C-alpha cells in the first residue's frame, strides 16, 4: 500500500488508484461463499409464497402459513377444507364432502372455520 502515501485520496487519472478501488462481490465467487446464492433463492421463494398467499386470501381461503403457499396455489384448492387437510378432494366427491361438513356444523362438531 505504498501508493496510498503518494495519493492519500484517489486521483482520477491514476491507474494504481483505480486498481486499488476494485472490489469483487461475494456473488461473483459462488464456490467460495455460497451464502449469497442461498439467500437469493430463499428471497425469490418467499416473494412467490407471499404473492400466492395474498391471492389465496383474496380468494377467500386461509392458508395455515405463508411458506409453501405457492405450491398450495398450484394445486388449486377449491375450499378451506382442502387447505386444512392438505388433500385435494376429487370433483365427483365434493358434493358429499360439502354435505358432511354441513352436517358436522349443524351438530356443532366444527365451526365455520372448518376446525
PDB file of N, CA and C in Angstrom:
ATOM      1  N   UNK A   1       0.822  -1.195   0.000  1.00  0.00           N
ATOM      2  CA  UNK A   1       0.000   0.000   0.000  1.00  0.00           C
ATOM      3  C   UNK A   1       0.864   1.257   0.000  1.00  0.00           C
ATOM      4  N   UNK A   2       2.018   1.153  -0.599  1.00  0.00           N
ATOM      5  CA  UNK A   2       2.915   2.295  -0.718  1.00  0.00           C
ATOM      6  C   UNK A   2       2.267   3.419  -1.513  1.00  0.00           C
ATOM      7  N   UNK A   3       1.378   3.036  -2.416  1.00  0.00           N
ATOM      8  CA  UNK A   3       0.741   4.041  -3.273  1.00  0.00           C
ATOM      9  C   UNK A   3      -0.131   5.004  -2.465  1.00  0.00           C
ATOM     10  N   UNK A   4      -0.681   4.559  -1.363  1.00  0.00           N
ATOM     11  CA  UNK A   4      -1.513   5.435  -0.525  1.00  0.00           C
ATOM     12  C   UNK A   4      -0.691   6.597   0.038  1.00  0.00           C
ATOM     13  N   UNK A   5       0.611   6.397   0.152  1.00  0.00           N
ATOM     14  CA  UNK A   5       1.465   7.507   0.601  1.00  0.00           C
ATOM     15  C   UNK A   5       1.596   8.555  -0.502  1.00  0.00           C
ATOM     16  N   UNK A   6       1.625   8.087  -1.748  1.00  0.00           N
ATOM     17  CA  UNK A   6       1.731   9.019  -2.877  1.00  0.00           C
ATOM     18  C   UNK A   6       0.420   9.769  -3.083  1.00  0.00           C
ATOM     19  N   UNK A   7      -0.706   9.022  -3.095  1.00  0.00           N
ATOM     20  CA  UNK A   7      -2.030   9.620  -3.256  1.00  0.00           C
ATOM     21  C   UNK A   7      -2.920   9.205  -2.078  1.00  0.00           C
ATOM     22  N   UNK A   8      -2.960   9.997  -1.022  1.00  0.00           N
ATOM     23  CA  UNK A   8      -3.816   9.641   0.118  1.00  0.00           C
ATOM     24  C   UNK A   8      -5.299   9.613  -0.255  1.00  0.00           C
ATOM     25  N   UNK A   9      -5.688  10.441  -1.210  1.00  0.00           N
ATOM     26  CA  UNK A   9      -7.052  10.404  -1.739  1.00  0.00           C
ATOM     27  C   UNK A   9      -6.951   9.987  -3.201  1.00  0.00           C
ATOM     28  N   UNK A  10      -7.918   9.205  -3.714  1.00  0.00           N
ATOM     29  CA  UNK A  10      -7.839   8.716  -5.101  1.00  0.00           C
ATOM     30  C   UNK A  10      -7.797   9.862  -6.116  1.00  0.00           C
ATOM     31  N   UNK A  11      -6.957   9.664  -7.118  1.00  0.00           N
ATOM     32  CA  UNK A  11      -6.816  10.624  -8.217  1.00  0.00           C
ATOM     33  C   UNK A  11      -7.445   9.988  -9.453  1.00  0.00           C
ATOM     34  N   UNK A  12      -8.236  10.764 -10.189  1.00  0.00           N
ATOM     35  CA  UNK A  12      -8.997  10.226 -11.319  1.00  0.00           C
ATOM     36  C   UNK A  12      -8.122   9.627 -12.415  1.00  0.00           C
ATOM     37  N   UNK A  13      -7.021  10.217 -12.764  1.00  0.00           N
ATOM     38  CA  UNK A  13      -6.209   9.759 -13.885  1.00  0.00           C
ATOM     39  C   UNK A  13      -5.186   8.701 -13.493  1.00  0.00           C
ATOM     40  N   UNK A  14      -5.102   8.332 -12.235  1.00  0.00           N
ATOM     41  CA  UNK A  14      -4.090   7.390 -11.769  1.00  0.00           C
ATOM     42  C   UNK A  14      -4.588   5.949 -11.875  1.00  0.00           C
ATOM     43  N   UNK A  15      -3.844   5.128 -12.649  1.00  0.00           N
ATOM     44  CA  UNK A  15      -4.234   3.735 -12.844  1.00  0.00           C
ATOM     45  C   UNK A  15      -4.161   2.951 -11.533  1.00  0.00           C
ATOM     46  N   UNK A  16      -3.153   3.165 -10.730  1.00  0.00           N
ATOM     47  CA  UNK A  16      -2.990   2.447  -9.457  1.00  0.00           C
ATOM     48  C   UNK A  16      -4.132   2.771  -8.498  1.00  0.00           C
ATOM     49  N   UNK A  17      -4.616   4.027  -8.494  1.00  0.00           N
ATOM     50  CA  UNK A  17      -5.756   4.384  -7.645  1.00  0.00           C
ATOM     51  C   UNK A  17      -7.006   3.621  -8.081  1.00  0.00           C
ATOM     52  N   UNK A  18      -7.181   3.453  -9.385  1.00  0.00           N
ATOM     53  CA  UNK A  18      -8.334   2.705  -9.888  1.00  0.00           C
ATOM     54  C   UNK A  18      -8.243   1.234  -9.503  1.00  0.00           C
ATOM     55  N   UNK A  19      -7.065   0.641  -9.616  1.00  0.00           N
ATOM     56  CA  UNK A  19      -6.888  -0.765  -9.277  1.00  0.00           C
ATOM     57  C   UNK A  19      -7.142  -0.995  -7.784  1.00  0.00           C
ATOM     58  N   UNK A  20      -6.708  -0.089  -6.952  1.00  0.00           N
ATOM     59  CA  UNK A  20      -6.905  -0.239  -5.510  1.00  0.00           C
ATOM     60  C   UNK A  20      -8.371  -0.110  -5.114  1.00  0.00           C
ATOM     61  N   UNK A  21      -9.189   0.477  -5.972  1.00  0.00           N
ATOM     62  CA  UNK A  21     -10.598   0.661  -5.630  1.00  0.00           C
ATOM     63  C   UNK A  21     -11.498  -0.457  -6.150  1.00  0.00           C
ATOM     64  N   UNK A  22     -10.935  -1.467  -6.829  1.00  0.00           N
ATOM     65  CA  UNK A  22     -11.727  -2.568  -7.380  1.00  0.00           C
ATOM     66  C   UNK A  22     -12.101  -3.544  -6.257  1.00  0.00           C
ATOM     67  N   UNK A  23     -13.376  -3.892  -6.197  1.00  0.00           N
ATOM     68  CA  UNK A  23     -13.868  -4.873  -5.240  1.00  0.00           C
ATOM     69  C   UNK A  23     -14.583  -5.983  -5.991  1.00  0.00           C
ATOM     70  N   UNK A  24     -14.570  -7.185  -5.438  1.00  0.00           N
ATOM     71  CA  UNK A  24     -15.255  -8.319  -6.047  1.00  0.00           C
ATOM     72  C   UNK A  24     -16.382  -8.728  -5.118  1.00  0.00           C
ATOM     73  N   UNK A  25     -17.587  -8.806  -5.662  1.00  0.00           N
ATOM     74  CA  UNK A  25     -18.752  -9.179  -4.871  1.00  0.00           C
ATOM     75  C   UNK A  25     -18.709 -10.660  -4.520  1.00  0.00           C
ATOM     76  N   UNK A  26     -19.298 -11.010  -3.396  1.00  0.00           N
ATOM     77  CA  UNK A  26     -19.339 -12.411  -2.971  1.00  0.00           C
ATOM     78  C   UNK A  26     -20.129 -13.262  -3.955  1.00  0.00           C
ATOM     79  N   UNK A  27     -21.120 -12.667  -4.617  1.00  0.00           N
ATOM     80  CA  UNK A  27     -21.924 -13.417  -5.587  1.00  0.00           C
ATOM     81  C   UNK A  27     -21.110 -13.810  -6.818  1.00  0.00           C
ATOM     82  N   UNK A  28     -19.992 -13.124  -7.057  1.00  0.00           N
ATOM     83  CA  UNK A  28     -19.144 -13.442  -8.202  1.00  0.00           C
ATOM     84  C   UNK A  28     -18.299 -14.689  -7.944  1.00  0.00           C
ATOM     85  N   UNK A  29     -18.234 -15.142  -6.707  1.00  0.00           N
ATOM     86  CA  UNK A  29     -17.457 -16.329  -6.356  1.00  0.00           C
ATOM     87  C   UNK A  29     -18.335 -17.318  -5.598  1.00  0.00           C
ATOM     88  N   UNK A  30     -19.321 -17.924  -6.269  1.00  0.00           N
ATOM     89  CA  UNK A  30     -20.277 -18.788  -5.567  1.00  0.00           C
ATOM     90  C   UNK A  30     -19.663 -20.053  -4.976  1.00  0.00           C
ATOM     91  N   UNK A  31     -18.533 -20.513  -5.519  1.00  0.00           N
ATOM     92  CA  UNK A  31     -17.938 -21.724  -4.960  1.00  0.00           C
ATOM     93  C   UNK A  31     -17.190 -21.441  -3.661  1.00  0.00           C
ATOM     94  N   UNK A  32     -16.793 -20.213  -3.448  1.00  0.00           N
ATOM     95  CA  UNK A  32     -16.081 -19.876  -2.222  1.00  0.00           C
ATOM     96  C   UNK A  32     -17.039 -19.465  -1.113  1.00  0.00           C
ATOM     97  N   UNK A  33     -18.116 -18.783  -1.480  1.00  0.00           N
ATOM     98  CA  UNK A  33     -19.083 -18.326  -0.494  1.00  0.00           C
ATOM     99  C   UNK A  33     -20.484 -18.524  -1.058  1.00  0.00           C
ATOM    100  N   UNK A  34     -21.127 -19.681  -0.830  1.00  0.00           N
ATOM    101  CA  UNK A  34     -22.432 -19.954  -1.420  1.00  0.00           C
ATOM    102  C   UNK A  34     -23.601 -19.271  -0.700  1.00  0.00           C
ATOM    103  N   UNK A  35     -23.357 -18.586   0.392  1.00  0.00           N
ATOM    104  CA  UNK A  35     -24.450 -17.964   1.149  1.00  0.00           C
ATOM    105  C   UNK A  35     -25.267 -16.975   0.319  1.00  0.00           C
ATOM    106  N   UNK A  36     -24.650 -16.097  -0.470  1.00  0.00           N
ATOM    107  CA  UNK A  36     -25.478 -15.155  -1.248  1.00  0.00           C
ATOM    108  C   UNK A  36     -26.451 -15.851  -2.199  1.00  0.00           C
ATOM    109  N   UNK A  37     -26.038 -16.972  -2.783  1.00  0.00           N
ATOM    110  CA  UNK A  37     -26.932 -17.695  -3.679  1.00  0.00           C
ATOM    111  C   UNK A  37     -28.101 -18.293  -2.908  1.00  0.00           C
ATOM    112  N   UNK A  38     -27.823 -18.837  -1.720  1.00  0.00           N
ATOM    113  CA  UNK A  38     -28.896 -19.400  -0.898  1.00  0.00           C
ATOM    114  C   UNK A  38     -29.875 -18.314  -0.480  1.00  0.00           C
ATOM    115  N   UNK A  39     -29.351 -17.167  -0.081  1.00  0.00           N
ATOM    116  CA  UNK A  39     -30.210 -16.061   0.348  1.00  0.00           C
ATOM    117  C   UNK A  39     -31.058 -15.580  -0.819  1.00  0.00           C
ATOM    118  N   UNK A  40     -30.454 -15.471  -2.004  1.00  0.00           N
ATOM    119  CA  UNK A  40     -31.188 -15.024  -3.186  1.00  0.00           C
ATOM    120  C   UNK A  40     -32.299 -16.013  -3.530  1.00  0.00           C
ATOM    121  N   UNK A  41     -31.998 -17.316  -3.471  1.00  0.00           N
ATOM    122  CA  UNK A  41     -33.007 -18.340  -3.751  1.00  0.00           C
ATOM    123  C   UNK A  41     -34.133 -18.284  -2.731  1.00  0.00           C
ATOM    124  N   UNK A  42     -33.775 -18.121  -1.455  1.00  0.00           N
ATOM    125  CA  UNK A  42     -34.776 -18.061  -0.394  1.00  0.00           C
ATOM    126  C   UNK A  42     -35.663 -16.825  -0.555  1.00  0.00           C
ATOM    127  N   UNK A  43     -35.057 -15.687  -0.938  1.00  0.00           N
ATOM    128  CA  UNK A  43     -35.842 -14.468  -1.152  1.00  0.00           C
ATOM    129  C   UNK A  43     -36.821 -14.622  -2.312  1.00  0.00           C
ATOM    130  N   UNK A  44     -36.384 -15.256  -3.395  1.00  0.00           N
ATOM    131  CA  UNK A  44     -37.283 -15.467  -4.531  1.00  0.00           C
ATOM    132  C   UNK A  44     -38.448 -16.372  -4.142  1.00  0.00           C
ATOM    133  N   UNK A  45     -38.171 -17.428  -3.359  1.00  0.00           N
ATOM    134  CA  UNK A  45     -39.229 -18.336  -2.927  1.00  0.00           C
ATOM    135  C   UNK A  45     -40.201 -17.610  -2.003  1.00  0.00           C
ATOM    136  N   UNK A  46     -39.670 -16.785  -1.096  1.00  0.00           N
ATOM    137  CA  UNK A  46     -40.533 -16.042  -0.184  1.00  0.00           C
ATOM    138  C   UNK A  46     -41.414 -15.052  -0.942  1.00  0.00           C
ATOM    139  N   UNK A  47     -40.862 -14.393  -1.962  1.00  0.00           N
ATOM    140  CA  UNK A  47     -41.668 -13.477  -2.774  1.00  0.00           C
ATOM    141  C   UNK A  47     -42.808 -14.228  -3.471  1.00  0.00           C
ATOM    142  N   UNK A  48     -42.496 -15.408  -4.021  1.00  0.00           N
ATOM    143  CA  UNK A  48     -43.529 -16.206  -4.687  1.00  0.00           C
ATOM    144  C   UNK A  48     -44.590 -16.649  -3.683  1.00  0.00           C
ATOM    145  N   UNK A  49     -44.154 -17.061  -2.484  1.00  0.00           N
ATOM    146  CA  UNK A  49     -45.097 -17.503  -1.461  1.00  0.00           C
ATOM    147  C   UNK A  49     -45.977 -16.359  -0.971  1.00  0.00           C
ATOM    148  N   UNK A  50     -45.391 -15.174  -0.815  1.00  0.00           N
ATOM    149  CA  UNK A  50     -46.177 -14.022  -0.343  1.00  0.00           C
ATOM    150  C   UNK A  50     -47.258 -13.623  -1.343  1.00  0.00           C
ATOM    151  N   UNK A  51     -46.904 -13.585  -2.619  1.00  0.00           N
ATOM    152  CA  UNK A  51     -47.911 -13.193  -3.615  1.00  0.00           C
ATOM    153  C   UNK A  51     -48.998 -14.269  -3.732  1.00  0.00           C
ATOM    154  N   UNK A  52     -48.609 -15.550  -3.647  1.00  0.00           N
ATOM    155  CA  UNK A  52     -49.600 -16.632  -3.691  1.00  0.00           C
ATOM    156  C   UNK A  52     -50.504 -16.574  -2.459  1.00  0.00           C
ATOM    157  N   UNK A  53     -49.925 -16.282  -1.302  1.00  0.00           N
ATOM    158  CA  UNK A  53     -50.700 -16.177  -0.057  1.00  0.00           C
ATOM    159  C   UNK A  53     -51.744 -15.068  -0.184  1.00  0.00           C
ATOM    160  N   UNK A  54     -51.331 -13.921  -0.749  1.00  0.00           N
ATOM    161  CA  UNK A  54     -52.268 -12.803  -0.928  1.00  0.00           C
ATOM    162  C   UNK A  54     -53.406 -13.186  -1.878  1.00  0.00           C
ATOM    163  N   UNK A  55     -53.068 -13.887  -2.969  1.00  0.00           N
ATOM    164  CA  UNK A  55     -54.115 -14.293  -3.914  1.00  0.00           C
ATOM    165  C   UNK A  55     -55.084 -15.281  -3.268  1.00  0.00           C
ATOM    166  N   UNK A  56     -54.553 -16.218  -2.486  1.00  0.00           N
ATOM    167  CA  UNK A  56     -55.431 -17.170  -1.804  1.00  0.00           C
ATOM    168  C   UNK A  56     -56.338 -16.454  -0.801  1.00  0.00           C
ATOM    169  N   UNK A  57     -55.771 -15.502  -0.055  1.00  0.00           N
ATOM    170  CA  UNK A  57     -56.564 -14.744   0.922  1.00  0.00           C
ATOM    171  C   UNK A  57     -57.639 -13.920   0.216  1.00  0.00           C
ATOM    172  N   UNK A  58     -57.281 -13.302  -0.903  1.00  0.00           N
ATOM    173  CA  UNK A  58     -58.267 -12.533  -1.667  1.00  0.00           C
ATOM    174  C   UNK A  58     -59.352 -13.430  -2.244  1.00  0.00           C
ATOM    175  N   UNK A  59     -59.023 -14.703  -2.466  1.00  0.00           N
ATOM    176  CA  UNK A  59     -59.995 -15.669  -2.959  1.00  0.00           C
ATOM    177  C   UNK A  59     -60.869 -16.256  -1.860  1.00  0.00           C
ATOM    178  N   UNK A  60     -60.653 -15.835  -0.622  1.00  0.00           N
ATOM    179  CA  UNK A  60     -61.483 -16.293   0.486  1.00  0.00           C
ATOM    180  C   UNK A  60     -60.941 -17.509   1.218  1.00  0.00           C
ATOM    181  N   UNK A  61     -59.726 -17.946   0.895  1.00  0.00           N
ATOM    182  CA  UNK A  61     -59.132 -19.098   1.561  1.00  0.00           C
ATOM    183  C   UNK A  61     -58.104 -18.629   2.580  1.00  0.00           C
ATOM    184  N   UNK A  62     -57.858 -19.426   3.615  1.00  0.00           N
ATOM    185  CA  UNK A  62     -56.905 -19.074   4.661  1.00  0.00           C
ATOM    186  C   UNK A  62     -55.843 -20.165   4.775  1.00  0.00           C
ATOM    187  N   UNK A  63     -54.694 -19.991   4.084  1.00  0.00           N
ATOM    188  CA  UNK A  63     -53.608 -20.964   4.240  1.00  0.00           C
ATOM    189  C   UNK A  63     -53.094 -20.953   5.681  1.00  0.00           C
ATOM    190  N   UNK A  64     -52.582 -22.095   6.133  1.00  0.00           N
ATOM    191  CA  UNK A  64     -52.114 -22.196   7.513  1.00  0.00           C
ATOM    192  C   UNK A  64     -50.845 -21.387   7.746  1.00  0.00           C
ATOM    193  N   UNK A  65     -50.034 -21.191   6.704  1.00  0.00           N
ATOM    194  CA  UNK A  65     -48.807 -20.392   6.824  1.00  0.00           C
ATOM    195  C   UNK A  65     -48.430 -19.832   5.458  1.00  0.00           C
ATOM    196  N   UNK A  66     -47.507 -18.882   5.462  1.00  0.00           N
ATOM    197  CA  UNK A  66     -47.070 -18.268   4.208  1.00  0.00           C
ATOM    198  C   UNK A  66     -46.162 -19.215   3.433  1.00  0.00           C
ATOM    199  N   UNK A  67     -45.234 -19.888   4.143  1.00  0.00           N
ATOM    200  CA  UNK A  67     -44.327 -20.819   3.471  1.00  0.00           C
ATOM    201  C   UNK A  67     -45.112 -21.932   2.798  1.00  0.00           C
ATOM    202  N   UNK A  68     -44.814 -22.169   1.538  1.00  0.00           N
ATOM    203  CA  UNK A  68     -45.490 -23.225   0.796  1.00  0.00           C
ATOM    204  C   UNK A  68     -46.779 -22.795   0.127  1.00  0.00           C
ATOM    205  N   UNK A  69     -47.144 -21.526   0.237  1.00  0.00           N
ATOM    206  CA  UNK A  69     -48.393 -21.060  -0.371  1.00  0.00           C
ATOM    207  C   UNK A  69     -48.366 -21.153  -1.894  1.00  0.00           C
ATOM    208  N   UNK A  70     -47.195 -20.962  -2.494  1.00  0.00           N
ATOM    209  CA  UNK A  70     -47.100 -21.057  -3.956  1.00  0.00           C
ATOM    210  C   UNK A  70     -47.388 -22.484  -4.411  1.00  0.00           C
ATOM    211  N   UNK A  71     -46.853 -23.482  -3.691  1.00  0.00           N
ATOM    212  CA  UNK A  71     -47.137 -24.877  -4.036  1.00  0.00           C
ATOM    213  C   UNK A  71     -48.609 -25.194  -3.815  1.00  0.00           C
ATOM    214  N   UNK A  72     -49.159 -24.683  -2.738  1.00  0.00           N
ATOM    215  CA  UNK A  72     -50.569 -24.907  -2.428  1.00  0.00           C
ATOM    216  C   UNK A  72     -51.459 -24.306  -3.517  1.00  0.00           C
ATOM    217  N   UNK A  73     -51.104 -23.115  -3.973  1.00  0.00           N
ATOM    218  CA  UNK A  73     -51.903 -22.456  -5.012  1.00  0.00           C
ATOM    219  C   UNK A  73     -51.845 -23.239  -6.326  1.00  0.00           C
ATOM    220  N   UNK A  74     -50.693 -23.844  -6.637  1.00  0.00           N
ATOM    221  CA  UNK A  74     -50.576 -24.627  -7.861  1.00  0.00           C
ATOM    222  C   UNK A  74     -51.501 -25.845  -7.849  1.00  0.00           C
ATOM    223  N   UNK A  75     -51.821 -26.344  -6.647  1.00  0.00           N
ATOM    224  CA  UNK A  75     -52.725 -27.482  -6.546  1.00  0.00           C
ATOM    225  C   UNK A  75     -54.179 -27.076  -6.767  1.00  0.00           C
ATOM    226  N   UNK A  76     -54.459 -25.781  -6.740  1.00  0.00           N
ATOM    227  CA  UNK A  76     -55.788 -25.213  -6.974  1.00  0.00           C
ATOM    228  C   UNK A  76     -56.846 -25.763  -6.013  1.00  0.00           C
ATOM    229  N   UNK A  77     -56.705 -25.491  -4.727  1.00  0.00           N
ATOM    230  CA  UNK A  77     -57.745 -25.934  -3.786  1.00  0.00           C
ATOM    231  C   UNK A  77     -59.025 -25.145  -4.026  1.00  0.00           C
ATOM    232  N   UNK A  78     -60.169 -25.806  -3.850  1.00  0.00           N
ATOM    233  CA  UNK A  78     -61.442 -25.132  -4.102  1.00  0.00           C
ATOM    234  C   UNK A  78     -62.159 -24.732  -2.821  1.00  0.00           C
ATOM    235  N   UNK A  79     -61.736 -25.273  -1.674  1.00  0.00           N
ATOM    236  CA  UNK A  79     -62.396 -24.906  -0.421  1.00  0.00           C
ATOM    237  C   UNK A  79     -61.393 -24.940   0.734  1.00  0.00           C
ATOM    238  N   UNK A  80     -61.792 -24.336   1.835  1.00  0.00           N
ATOM    239  CA  UNK A  80     -60.929 -24.260   3.009  1.00  0.00           C
ATOM    240  C   UNK A  80     -60.628 -25.652   3.565  1.00  0.00           C
ATOM    241  N   UNK A  81     -61.558 -26.576   3.439  1.00  0.00           N
ATOM    242  CA  UNK A  81     -61.365 -27.935   3.940  1.00  0.00           C
ATOM    243  C   UNK A  81     -60.151 -28.596   3.281  1.00  0.00           C
ATOM    244  N   UNK A  82     -59.975 -28.373   1.975  1.00  0.00           N
ATOM    245  CA  UNK A  82     -58.820 -28.940   1.277  1.00  0.00           C
ATOM    246  C   UNK A  82     -57.518 -28.351   1.807  1.00  0.00           C
ATOM    247  N   UNK A  83     -57.522 -27.077   2.140  1.00  0.00           N
ATOM    248  CA  UNK A  83     -56.327 -26.442   2.692  1.00  0.00           C
ATOM    249  C   UNK A  83     -56.032 -26.982   4.087  1.00  0.00           C
ATOM    250  N   UNK A  84     -57.071 -27.118   4.913  1.00  0.00           N
ATOM    251  CA  UNK A  84     -56.875 -27.600   6.283  1.00  0.00           C
ATOM    252  C   UNK A  84     -56.370 -29.035   6.321  1.00  0.00           C
ATOM    253  N   UNK A  85     -56.888 -29.883   5.440  1.00  0.00           N
ATOM    254  CA  UNK A  85     -56.488 -31.290   5.449  1.00  0.00           C
ATOM    255  C   UNK A  85     -55.226 -31.543   4.633  1.00  0.00           C
ATOM    256  N   UNK A  86     -54.929 -30.653   3.693  1.00  0.00           N
ATOM    257  CA  UNK A  86     -53.764 -30.837   2.840  1.00  0.00           C
ATOM    258  C   UNK A  86     -53.987 -31.846   1.730  1.00  0.00           C
ATOM    259  N   UNK A  87     -55.230 -32.216   1.502  1.00  0.00           N
ATOM    260  CA  UNK A  87     -55.552 -33.186   0.448  1.00  0.00           C
ATOM    261  C   UNK A  87     -56.632 -32.612  -0.467  1.00  0.00           C
ATOM    262  N   UNK A  88     -56.436 -32.809  -1.765  1.00  0.00           N
ATOM    263  CA  UNK A  88     -57.435 -32.355  -2.721  1.00  0.00           C
ATOM    264  C   UNK A  88     -58.544 -33.396  -2.832  1.00  0.00           C
ATOM    265  N   UNK A  89     -59.766 -32.924  -2.905  1.00  0.00           N
ATOM    266  CA  UNK A  89     -60.933 -33.796  -2.989  1.00  0.00           C
ATOM    267  C   UNK A  89     -61.331 -33.904  -4.456  1.00  0.00           C
ATOM    268  N   UNK A  90     -61.512 -35.120  -4.961  1.00  0.00           N
ATOM    269  CA  UNK A  90     -61.963 -35.256  -6.353  1.00  0.00           C
ATOM    270  C   UNK A  90     -63.304 -34.548  -6.557  1.00  0.00           C
ATOM    271  N   UNK A  91     -63.471 -33.970  -7.716  1.00  0.00           N
ATOM    272  CA  UNK A  91     -64.673 -33.180  -8.011  1.00  0.00           C
ATOM    273  C   UNK A  91     -65.959 -33.991  -7.844  1.00  0.00           C
ATOM    274  N   UNK A  92     -65.911 -35.279  -8.184  1.00  0.00           N
ATOM    275  CA  UNK A  92     -67.122 -36.089  -8.080  1.00  0.00           C
ATOM    276  C   UNK A  92     -67.532 -36.350  -6.625  1.00  0.00           C
ATOM    277  N   UNK A  93     -66.615 -36.174  -5.683  1.00  0.00           N
ATOM    278  CA  UNK A  93     -66.932 -36.395  -4.264  1.00  0.00           C
ATOM    279  C   UNK A  93     -67.172 -35.090  -3.500  1.00  0.00           C
ATOM    280  N   UNK A  94     -66.974 -33.956  -4.152  1.00  0.00           N
ATOM    281  CA  UNK A  94     -67.068 -32.663  -3.467  1.00  0.00           C
ATOM    282  C   UNK A  94     -68.452 -32.436  -2.861  1.00  0.00           C
ATOM    283  N   UNK A  95     -69.520 -32.823  -3.556  1.00  0.00           N
ATOM    284  CA  UNK A  95     -70.867 -32.591  -3.024  1.00  0.00           C
ATOM    285  C   UNK A  95     -71.082 -33.374  -1.730  1.00  0.00           C
ATOM    286  N   UNK A  96     -70.574 -34.599  -1.661  1.00  0.00           N
ATOM    287  CA  UNK A  96     -70.722 -35.390  -0.441  1.00  0.00           C
ATOM    288  C   UNK A  96     -69.900 -34.814   0.700  1.00  0.00           C
ATOM    289  N   UNK A  97     -68.717 -34.303   0.391  1.00  0.00           N
ATOM    290  CA  UNK A  97     -67.884 -33.680   1.428  1.00  0.00           C
ATOM    291  C   UNK A  97     -68.573 -32.426   1.958  1.00  0.00           C
ATOM    292  N   UNK A  98     -69.126 -31.607   1.059  1.00  0.00           N
ATOM    293  CA  UNK A  98     -69.838 -30.399   1.484  1.00  0.00           C
ATOM    294  C   UNK A  98     -71.036 -30.756   2.362  1.00  0.00           C
ATOM    295  N   UNK A  99     -71.741 -31.819   2.001  1.00  0.00           N
ATOM    296  CA  UNK A  99     -72.880 -32.273   2.788  1.00  0.00           C
ATOM    297  C   UNK A  99     -72.413 -32.724   4.179  1.00  0.00           C
ATOM    298  N   UNK A 100     -71.308 -33.465   4.237  1.00  0.00           N
ATOM    299  CA  UNK A 100     -70.763 -33.912   5.519  1.00  0.00           C
ATOM    300  C   UNK A 100     -70.316 -32.747   6.392  1.00  0.00           C
ATOM    301  N   UNK A 101     -69.718 -31.735   5.774  1.00  0.00           N
ATOM    302  CA  UNK A 101     -69.315 -30.539   6.525  1.00  0.00           C
ATOM    303  C   UNK A 101     -70.533 -29.814   7.085  1.00  0.00           C
ATOM    304  N   UNK A 102     -71.587 -29.712   6.276  1.00  0.00           N
ATOM    305  CA  UNK A 102     -72.804 -29.041   6.741  1.00  0.00           C
ATOM    306  C   UNK A 102     -73.418 -29.783   7.925  1.00  0.00           C
ATOM    307  N   UNK A 103     -73.457 -31.099   7.865  1.00  0.00           N
ATOM    308  CA  UNK A 103     -73.988 -31.892   8.977  1.00  0.00           C
ATOM    309  C   UNK A 103     -73.122 -31.721  10.219  1.00  0.00           C
ATOM    310  N   UNK A 104     -71.807 -31.725  10.031  1.00  0.00           N
ATOM    311  CA  UNK A 104     -70.894 -31.551  11.168  1.00  0.00           C
ATOM    312  C   UNK A 104     -71.086 -30.186  11.822  1.00  0.00           C
ATOM    313  N   UNK A 105     -71.324 -29.149  11.009  1.00  0.00           N
ATOM    314  CA  UNK A 105     -71.568 -27.813  11.562  1.00  0.00           C
ATOM    315  C   UNK A 105     -72.869 -27.784  12.339  1.00  0.00           C
ATOM    316  N   UNK A 106     -73.914 -28.429  11.798  1.00  0.00           N
ATOM    317  CA  UNK A 106     -75.202 -28.470  12.492  1.00  0.00           C
ATOM    318  C   UNK A 106     -75.084 -29.173  13.844  1.00  0.00           C
ATOM    319  N   UNK A 107     -74.261 -30.198  13.908  1.00  0.00           N
ATOM    320  CA  UNK A 107     -74.083 -30.951  15.149  1.00  0.00           C
ATOM    321  C   UNK A 107     -73.140 -30.236  16.119  1.00  0.00           C
ATOM    322  N   UNK A 108     -72.483 -29.184  15.637  1.00  0.00           N
ATOM    323  CA  UNK A 108     -71.552 -28.440  16.484  1.00  0.00           C
ATOM    324  C   UNK A 108     -70.173 -29.078  16.595  1.00  0.00           C
ATOM    325  N   UNK A 109     -69.886 -30.001  15.704  1.00  0.00           N
ATOM    326  CA  UNK A 109     -68.591 -30.664  15.747  1.00  0.00           C
ATOM    327  C   UNK A 109     -67.474 -29.783  15.201  1.00  0.00           C
ATOM    328  N   UNK A 110     -67.821 -28.917  14.246  1.00  0.00           N
ATOM    329  CA  UNK A 110     -66.847 -27.970  13.694  1.00  0.00           C
ATOM    330  C   UNK A 110     -67.508 -26.608  13.613  1.00  0.00           C
ATOM    331  N   UNK A 111     -66.675 -25.559  13.560  1.00  0.00           N
ATOM    332  CA  UNK A 111     -67.189 -24.196  13.426  1.00  0.00           C
ATOM    333  C   UNK A 111     -67.147 -23.789  11.953  1.00  0.00           C
ATOM    334  N   UNK A 112     -67.475 -22.542  11.679  1.00  0.00           N
ATOM    335  CA  UNK A 112     -67.470 -22.066  10.291  1.00  0.00           C
ATOM    336  C   UNK A 112     -66.079 -22.104   9.691  1.00  0.00           C
ATOM    337  N   UNK A 113     -65.051 -21.999  10.529  1.00  0.00           N
ATOM    338  CA  UNK A 113     -63.687 -22.058  10.034  1.00  0.00           C
ATOM    339  C   UNK A 113     -63.285 -23.452   9.588  1.00  0.00           C
ATOM    340  N   UNK A 114     -64.077 -24.457   9.922  1.00  0.00           N
ATOM    341  CA  UNK A 114     -63.789 -25.813   9.496  1.00  0.00           C
ATOM    342  C   UNK A 114     -62.986 -26.602  10.502  1.00  0.00           C
ATOM    343  N   UNK A 115     -62.696 -26.013  11.689  1.00  0.00           N
ATOM    344  CA  UNK A 115     -61.879 -26.717  12.689  1.00  0.00           C
ATOM    345  C   UNK A 115     -62.673 -26.973  13.937  1.00  0.00           C
TER     346      UNK A 115
END
